[in-house]
């Protein structure tokens, strides 16, 4: 078995181990789907603005890119100080409107959906919030900067989110902004760091910000 195969199997196995984990405790990524298949793992840390409650999340995500179209599917396990442990899943679709394999700048549109599935502490206090969800639409921009042994790809993605089946303060549509830097190595491995101004584990009244760090492998 080649080194590439060993690394790929290891990452897939790791993702399967956390298959009960991701989405609403990690930053929303956009503008960074390359052609082909990519699998990755991320760990995230968040902090609510008003209550100062913290969170830790571990997630697995798979992405696929074909021409101008891309999609991602993930699952995450979040441990929130004020709300216990919960599992969420998410899916997103990307459409490239500018850029290609030979163009370093890429602009995309993205639409996505995330939903909680089990939060015992929250459900016990309010059963109507057991299926809290969020949907979003936004744009993403990334710039690939080639270097000798790796590629550097900063990205930025503003969006609008809708919070469903959960308490909110004001309107249910909220703005959000995420961004980060991806490092791609020649052997397919990648490192990435991301930031999000509005993580989704809060109830819509007290939003949280957070960061994540991850490892990926591109086939």
Protein backbone atom coordinates (compact mmCIF):
# COMPACT_ATOMS: atom_id res chain seq x y z
CA UNK A 1 0.00 0.00 0.00
CA UNK A 2 1.37 3.40 -1.00
CA UNK A 3 1.89 6.25 1.47
CA UNK A 4 -0.95 8.17 -0.20
CA UNK A 5 -3.30 5.21 0.33
CA UNK A 6 -2.27 4.79 3.96
CA UNK A 7 -2.88 8.47 4.71
CA UNK A 8 -6.23 8.41 2.92
CA UNK A 9 -7.43 5.31 4.80
CA UNK A 10 -6.31 6.79 8.11
CA UNK A 11 -8.23 10.02 7.57
CA UNK A 12 -11.37 8.21 6.46
CA UNK A 13 -11.17 5.98 9.52
CA UNK A 14 -10.75 9.00 11.75
CA UNK A 15 -13.74 10.67 10.17
CA UNK A 16 -15.83 7.55 10.73
CA UNK A 17 -14.80 7.46 14.37
CA UNK A 18 -16.33 10.92 14.83
CA UNK A 19 -19.33 10.21 12.63
CA UNK A 20 -21.61 11.28 15.48
CA UNK A 21 -20.02 14.70 15.54
CA UNK A 22 -19.96 18.53 13.38
CA UNK A 23 -21.42 21.72 12.00
CA UNK A 24 -22.72 24.11 14.58
CA UNK A 25 -19.65 24.43 16.76
CA UNK A 26 -17.21 25.00 13.92
CA UNK A 27 -16.79 27.88 11.45
CA UNK A 28 -18.69 27.72 8.18
CA UNK A 29 -16.17 27.27 5.38
CA UNK A 30 -16.69 28.60 1.87
CA UNK A 31 -14.79 29.35 -1.32
CA UNK A 32 -12.24 26.58 -0.82
CA UNK A 33 -13.51 23.42 -2.56
CA UNK A 34 -10.92 22.08 -5.06
CA UNK A 35 -11.74 19.66 -7.86
CA UNK A 36 -11.91 16.09 -6.55
CA UNK A 37 -12.56 14.61 -3.12
CA UNK A 38 -11.26 16.00 0.18
CA UNK A 39 -11.81 14.62 3.68
CA UNK A 40 -10.89 16.45 6.83
CA UNK A 41 -11.14 16.78 10.59
CA UNK A 42 -11.43 19.96 12.65
CA UNK A 43 -11.42 20.92 16.30
CA UNK A 44 -13.09 24.17 17.27
CA UNK A 45 -13.28 26.48 20.28
CA UNK A 46 -16.03 29.05 20.83
CA UNK A 47 -17.05 31.70 23.34
CA UNK A 48 -20.46 33.37 23.75
CA UNK A 49 -20.42 37.15 23.68
CA UNK A 50 -22.69 37.92 26.67
CA UNK A 51 -22.74 34.82 28.89
CA UNK A 52 -19.06 33.99 28.27
CA UNK A 53 -19.97 30.30 27.97
CA UNK A 54 -17.41 28.28 26.06
CA UNK A 55 -17.62 25.33 23.69
CA UNK A 56 -15.41 22.65 22.20
CA UNK A 57 -16.33 20.84 18.98
CA UNK A 58 -14.84 18.00 16.95
CA UNK A 59 -16.03 17.50 13.41
CA UNK A 60 -15.54 15.51 10.24
CA UNK A 61 -16.33 16.79 6.77
CA UNK A 62 -16.13 15.49 3.21
CA UNK A 63 -16.13 17.79 0.17
CA UNK A 64 -16.43 17.13 -3.54
CA UNK A 65 -15.73 19.47 -6.44
CA UNK A 66 -16.59 18.97 -10.11
CA UNK A 67 -16.17 21.88 -12.48
CA UNK A 68 -17.96 24.96 -11.08
CA UNK A 69 -20.00 22.86 -8.63
CA UNK A 70 -19.00 21.81 -5.15
CA UNK A 71 -20.60 20.35 -2.07
CA UNK A 72 -19.73 19.45 1.50
CA UNK A 73 -21.29 17.19 4.09
CA UNK A 74 -20.25 17.07 7.73
CA UNK A 75 -21.13 16.08 11.25
CA UNK A 76 -19.88 17.44 14.59
CA UNK A 77 -20.04 16.83 18.32
CA UNK A 78 -20.14 19.99 20.44
CA UNK A 79 -19.68 20.30 24.21
CA UNK A 80 -21.12 23.60 25.43
CA UNK A 81 -20.64 24.81 29.00
CA UNK A 82 -24.18 26.15 29.26
CA UNK A 83 -25.99 23.56 27.16
CA UNK A 84 -24.33 20.16 27.48
CA UNK A 85 -23.26 17.90 24.64
CA UNK A 86 -25.00 17.85 21.28
CA UNK A 87 -24.67 16.44 17.77
CA UNK A 88 -25.32 18.40 14.59
CA UNK A 89 -25.05 17.69 10.87
CA UNK A 90 -24.72 20.10 7.96
CA UNK A 91 -24.65 20.23 4.19
CA UNK A 92 -23.70 23.03 1.81
CA UNK A 93 -23.55 23.57 -1.94
CA UNK A 94 -21.12 25.90 -3.72
CA UNK A 95 -21.27 27.40 -7.19
CA UNK A 96 -18.13 29.02 -8.62
CA UNK A 97 -18.96 32.21 -10.50
CA UNK A 98 -15.39 33.30 -11.19
CA UNK A 99 -12.07 31.47 -11.28
CA UNK A 100 -10.78 28.10 -12.37
CA UNK A 101 -7.75 25.79 -12.25
CA UNK A 102 -5.46 28.43 -13.80
CA UNK A 103 -7.01 31.46 -12.10
CA UNK A 104 -5.80 32.01 -8.52
CA UNK A 105 -8.82 34.10 -7.47
CA UNK A 106 -12.10 32.25 -6.93
CA UNK A 107 -15.54 33.67 -6.17
CA UNK A 108 -18.41 31.40 -5.15
CA UNK A 109 -22.00 31.45 -3.99
CA UNK A 110 -22.92 29.10 -1.16
CA UNK A 111 -26.14 27.84 0.43
CA UNK A 112 -26.21 25.56 3.46
CA UNK A 113 -28.26 23.94 6.20
CA UNK A 114 -27.40 22.66 9.68
CA UNK A 115 -29.53 20.91 12.30
CA UNK A 116 -29.15 19.71 15.87
CA UNK A 117 -30.19 16.13 16.61
CA UNK A 118 -29.52 15.50 20.30
CA UNK A 119 -29.05 18.02 23.09
CA UNK A 120 -30.44 16.31 26.24
CA UNK A 121 -29.97 19.32 28.53
CA UNK A 122 -31.69 21.70 26.12
CA UNK A 123 -34.52 19.31 25.21
CA UNK A 124 -35.25 18.61 28.89
CA UNK A 125 -35.84 22.32 29.55
CA UNK A 126 -37.70 23.03 26.28
CA UNK A 127 -38.74 20.06 24.06
CA UNK A 128 -39.76 22.41 21.22
CA UNK A 129 -36.07 23.23 20.62
CA UNK A 130 -35.05 19.63 19.91
CA UNK A 131 -34.91 20.22 16.15
CA UNK A 132 -33.31 23.68 16.10
CA UNK A 133 -31.81 24.44 12.69
CA UNK A 134 -30.10 27.17 10.72
CA UNK A 135 -29.87 27.86 7.01
CA UNK A 136 -27.61 30.32 5.22
CA UNK A 137 -26.75 31.88 1.88
CA UNK A 138 -23.59 33.79 1.19
CA UNK A 139 -20.59 34.45 -0.97
CA UNK A 140 -17.00 33.31 -0.64
CA UNK A 141 -13.70 34.49 -2.07
CA UNK A 142 -10.35 32.72 -1.98
CA UNK A 143 -6.91 33.44 -3.40
CA UNK A 144 -4.38 30.68 -4.10
CA UNK A 145 -0.79 31.78 -3.52
CA UNK A 146 1.69 29.17 -4.83
CA UNK A 147 4.96 28.57 -3.01
CA UNK A 148 7.87 26.13 -3.38
CA UNK A 149 6.46 23.18 -1.41
CA UNK A 150 2.92 24.27 -0.57
CA UNK A 151 0.02 26.47 -1.59
CA UNK A 152 -1.39 29.19 0.64
CA UNK A 153 -5.08 29.96 0.29
CA UNK A 154 -6.65 32.74 2.37
CA UNK A 155 -10.45 32.98 2.11
CA UNK A 156 -13.31 35.17 3.35
CA UNK A 157 -17.04 34.45 3.34
CA UNK A 158 -19.85 36.81 4.42
CA UNK A 159 -23.34 35.32 4.74
CA UNK A 160 -26.91 35.74 5.97
CA UNK A 161 -28.36 33.10 8.29
CA UNK A 162 -31.90 32.13 9.27
CA UNK A 163 -32.44 30.56 12.69
CA UNK A 164 -35.40 28.18 12.83
CA UNK A 165 -37.23 26.54 15.79
CA UNK A 166 -35.25 28.36 18.49
CA UNK A 167 -35.52 31.64 20.42
CA UNK A 168 -33.99 34.68 18.76
CA UNK A 169 -33.50 38.33 19.64
CA UNK A 170 -34.91 40.62 16.96
CA UNK A 171 -35.28 39.21 13.46
CA UNK A 172 -34.47 35.60 12.63
CA UNK A 173 -32.12 36.59 9.81
CA UNK A 174 -28.64 37.37 11.14
CA UNK A 175 -25.37 38.32 9.39
CA UNK A 176 -22.24 36.23 9.79
CA UNK A 177 -18.66 36.31 8.59
CA UNK A 178 -16.08 33.54 8.41
CA UNK A 179 -12.55 33.41 7.08
CA UNK A 180 -9.33 31.51 7.30
CA UNK A 181 -6.17 30.20 5.71
CA UNK A 182 -5.60 26.80 4.12
CA UNK A 183 -2.14 25.35 3.52
CA UNK A 184 -1.86 22.60 0.89
CA UNK A 185 1.17 20.31 0.67
CA UNK A 186 2.35 18.52 -2.47
CA UNK A 187 1.45 15.05 -1.08
CA UNK A 188 -2.24 15.94 -0.69
CA UNK A 189 -2.16 16.78 3.00
CA UNK A 190 -3.51 20.12 4.14
CA UNK A 191 -3.60 22.25 7.27
CA UNK A 192 -6.26 24.87 7.91
CA UNK A 193 -7.33 27.49 10.43
CA UNK A 194 -10.70 29.26 10.42
CA UNK A 195 -12.65 31.95 12.28
CA UNK A 196 -16.40 32.57 12.49
CA UNK A 197 -18.20 35.61 13.91
CA UNK A 198 -21.37 33.59 14.63
CA UNK A 199 -21.13 29.95 15.65
CA UNK A 200 -24.43 28.08 15.62
CA UNK A 201 -24.55 26.37 19.00
CA UNK A 202 -26.08 29.39 20.77
CA UNK A 203 -29.83 29.94 20.83
CA UNK A 204 -29.88 32.99 18.57
CA UNK A 205 -30.06 35.54 21.40
CA UNK A 206 -26.42 35.43 22.51
CA UNK A 207 -24.17 34.65 19.54
CA UNK A 208 -20.74 33.08 19.89
CA UNK A 209 -17.51 33.59 18.00
CA UNK A 210 -14.90 30.90 17.53
CA UNK A 211 -11.92 29.41 15.75
CA UNK A 212 -11.02 25.97 14.44
CA UNK A 213 -7.90 24.10 13.37
CA UNK A 214 -7.95 21.14 11.04
CA UNK A 215 -6.18 18.55 8.93
CA UNK A 216 -7.35 17.45 5.47
CA UNK A 217 -6.36 15.08 2.69
CA UNK A 218 -7.14 15.69 -1.00
CA UNK A 219 -7.46 12.76 -3.38
